[in-house]
Amino acid sequence: MKNFGHVMWFRQRDGFGVVVDCHGTEFYFDKSVIPCNKKMCSGVLIEFDVNPAILDVRCISKITVLRSSSKISAIKELIEYKQKQLVFSI
């Protein structure tokens, strides 16, 4: 199942960060799940998959960067993205 959220913080030097979804749940990720041509920073809107193999901590297994923008415009982008998905699924 795909989830949506934004990067709360990412520590480039150490290669890990935290994503928050629309329910306020935090997910850990490291640089291995970031697409090779993308940079992570606070506020980036992403689509992600949760790693079911790790039970102790909520971890991300795959990230797709949707938009690098401010939180307000990121929310607008998410709404537009979800609306497009609904149109294609009908």
C-alpha atoms as a PDB file:
ATOM      1  CA  MET A   1       0.000   0.000   0.000  1.00  0.00           C
ATOM      2  CA  LYS A   2       1.308   3.418  -0.946  1.00  0.00           C
ATOM      3  CA  ASN A   3       1.606   6.079   1.726  1.00  0.00           C
ATOM      4  CA  PHE A   4       2.135   9.807   1.393  1.00  0.00           C
ATOM      5  CA  GLY A   5       4.013  12.167   3.636  1.00  0.00           C
ATOM      6  CA  HIS A   6       6.702  14.772   3.871  1.00  0.00           C
ATOM      7  CA  VAL A   7      10.295  14.659   5.033  1.00  0.00           C
ATOM      8  CA  MET A   8      10.418  16.032   8.563  1.00  0.00           C
ATOM      9  CA  TRP A   9      14.212  16.022   8.557  1.00  0.00           C
ATOM     10  CA  PHE A  10      17.110  14.372   6.778  1.00  0.00           C
ATOM     11  CA  ARG A  11      20.708  14.343   8.006  1.00  0.00           C
ATOM     12  CA  GLN A  12      22.803  14.256   4.827  1.00  0.00           C
ATOM     13  CA  ARG A  13      26.061  13.542   6.658  1.00  0.00           C
ATOM     14  CA  ASP A  14      24.713  10.433   8.396  1.00  0.00           C
ATOM     15  CA  GLY A  15      22.352   9.390   5.585  1.00  0.00           C
ATOM     16  CA  PHE A  16      19.109   8.961   7.513  1.00  0.00           C
ATOM     17  CA  GLY A  17      15.946  10.872   8.289  1.00  0.00           C
ATOM     18  CA  VAL A  18      12.306  10.830   9.331  1.00  0.00           C
ATOM     19  CA  VAL A  19       9.107  11.108   7.294  1.00  0.00           C
ATOM     20  CA  VAL A  20       5.712  12.069   8.731  1.00  0.00           C
ATOM     21  CA  ASP A  21       2.525  10.849   7.049  1.00  0.00           C
ATOM     22  CA  CYS A  22      -0.839  12.649   7.018  1.00  0.00           C
ATOM     23  CA  HIS A  23      -1.828  10.957  10.310  1.00  0.00           C
ATOM     24  CA  GLY A  24       1.274  12.200  12.125  1.00  0.00           C
ATOM     25  CA  THR A  25       2.971   8.792  12.178  1.00  0.00           C
ATOM     26  CA  GLU A  26       6.755   8.926  11.887  1.00  0.00           C
ATOM     27  CA  PHE A  27       8.763   6.575   9.656  1.00  0.00           C
ATOM     28  CA  TYR A  28      12.538   6.096   9.583  1.00  0.00           C
ATOM     29  CA  PHE A  29      14.458   5.941   6.297  1.00  0.00           C
ATOM     30  CA  ASP A  30      18.063   5.837   5.194  1.00  0.00           C
ATOM     31  CA  LYS A  31      19.858   6.860   2.016  1.00  0.00           C
ATOM     32  CA  SER A  32      19.532   3.389   0.471  1.00  0.00           C
ATOM     33  CA  VAL A  33      15.813   3.975  -0.278  1.00  0.00           C
ATOM     34  CA  ILE A  34      16.286   7.413  -1.886  1.00  0.00           C
ATOM     35  CA  PRO A  35      16.254   7.504  -5.712  1.00  0.00           C
ATOM     36  CA  CYS A  36      19.838   8.114  -6.870  1.00  0.00           C
ATOM     37  CA  ASN A  37      19.161  11.415  -8.641  1.00  0.00           C
ATOM     38  CA  LYS A  38      17.147  13.039  -5.823  1.00  0.00           C
ATOM     39  CA  LYS A  39      18.219  15.163  -2.869  1.00  0.00           C
ATOM     40  CA  MET A  40      16.347  15.023   0.407  1.00  0.00           C
ATOM     41  CA  CYS A  41      15.582  17.998   2.569  1.00  0.00           C
ATOM     42  CA  SER A  42      12.897  19.046   5.009  1.00  0.00           C
ATOM     43  CA  GLY A  43       9.436  19.513   3.495  1.00  0.00           C
ATOM     44  CA  VAL A  44       9.860  17.311   0.402  1.00  0.00           C
ATOM     45  CA  LEU A  45       6.591  15.566  -0.500  1.00  0.00           C
ATOM     46  CA  ILE A  46       7.012  11.828  -1.056  1.00  0.00           C
ATOM     47  CA  GLU A  47       5.140   8.617  -1.755  1.00  0.00           C
ATOM     48  CA  PHE A  48       6.553   5.628   0.110  1.00  0.00           C
ATOM     49  CA  ASP A  49       6.201   1.935   0.910  1.00  0.00           C
ATOM     50  CA  VAL A  50       6.531   0.628   4.455  1.00  0.00           C
ATOM     51  CA  ASN A  51       9.017  -2.186   5.056  1.00  0.00           C
ATOM     52  CA  PRO A  52       7.010  -5.064   6.610  1.00  0.00           C
ATOM     53  CA  ALA A  53      10.149  -7.065   7.471  1.00  0.00           C
ATOM     54  CA  ILE A  54      11.234  -4.678  10.239  1.00  0.00           C
ATOM     55  CA  LEU A  55       8.931  -4.890  13.235  1.00  0.00           C
ATOM     56  CA  ASP A  56      10.689  -2.791  15.908  1.00  0.00           C
ATOM     57  CA  VAL A  57      10.564   0.542  14.065  1.00  0.00           C
ATOM     58  CA  ARG A  58       8.385   1.825  11.230  1.00  0.00           C
ATOM     59  CA  CYS A  59      10.773   1.870   8.275  1.00  0.00           C
ATOM     60  CA  ILE A  60      10.439   2.856   4.639  1.00  0.00           C
ATOM     61  CA  SER A  61      11.450   0.422   1.903  1.00  0.00           C
ATOM     62  CA  LYS A  62      10.994   2.665  -1.160  1.00  0.00           C
ATOM     63  CA  ILE A  63      10.636   6.419  -1.728  1.00  0.00           C
ATOM     64  CA  THR A  64       9.253   8.271  -4.734  1.00  0.00           C
ATOM     65  CA  VAL A  65       9.810  12.030  -4.639  1.00  0.00           C
ATOM     66  CA  LEU A  66       6.656  13.831  -5.744  1.00  0.00           C
ATOM     67  CA  ARG A  67       7.614  17.459  -5.240  1.00  0.00           C
ATOM     68  CA  SER A  68      10.252  19.541  -3.508  1.00  0.00           C
ATOM     69  CA  SER A  69       8.281  22.460  -2.126  1.00  0.00           C
ATOM     70  CA  SER A  70       6.957  24.193   0.954  1.00  0.00           C
ATOM     71  CA  LYS A  71       4.501  22.322   3.177  1.00  0.00           C
ATOM     72  CA  ILE A  72       1.446  24.313   2.030  1.00  0.00           C
ATOM     73  CA  SER A  73       2.126  23.802  -1.652  1.00  0.00           C
ATOM     74  CA  ALA A  74       3.099  20.184  -0.924  1.00  0.00           C
ATOM     75  CA  ILE A  75      -0.364  19.566   0.511  1.00  0.00           C
ATOM     76  CA  LYS A  76      -1.932  21.090  -2.597  1.00  0.00           C
ATOM     77  CA  GLU A  77       0.273  18.883  -4.787  1.00  0.00           C
ATOM     78  CA  LEU A  78      -0.776  15.814  -2.800  1.00  0.00           C
ATOM     79  CA  ILE A  79      -4.467  16.633  -3.263  1.00  0.00           C
ATOM     80  CA  GLU A  80      -3.984  17.089  -7.017  1.00  0.00           C
ATOM     81  CA  TYR A  81      -1.996  13.849  -7.226  1.00  0.00           C
ATOM     82  CA  LYS A  82      -4.705  11.874  -5.381  1.00  0.00           C
ATOM     83  CA  GLN A  83      -7.403  13.382  -7.634  1.00  0.00           C
ATOM     84  CA  LYS A  84      -5.502  12.238 -10.728  1.00  0.00           C
ATOM     85  CA  GLN A  85      -5.224   8.744  -9.290  1.00  0.00           C
ATOM     86  CA  LEU A  86      -8.989   8.648  -8.712  1.00  0.00           C
ATOM     87  CA  VAL A  87      -9.680   9.671 -12.317  1.00  0.00           C
ATOM     88  CA  PHE A  88      -7.419   6.907 -13.661  1.00  0.00           C
ATOM     89  CA  SER A  89      -8.891   4.250 -11.375  1.00  0.00           C
ATOM     90  CA  ILE A  90     -12.511   4.826 -12.468  1.00  0.00           C
END
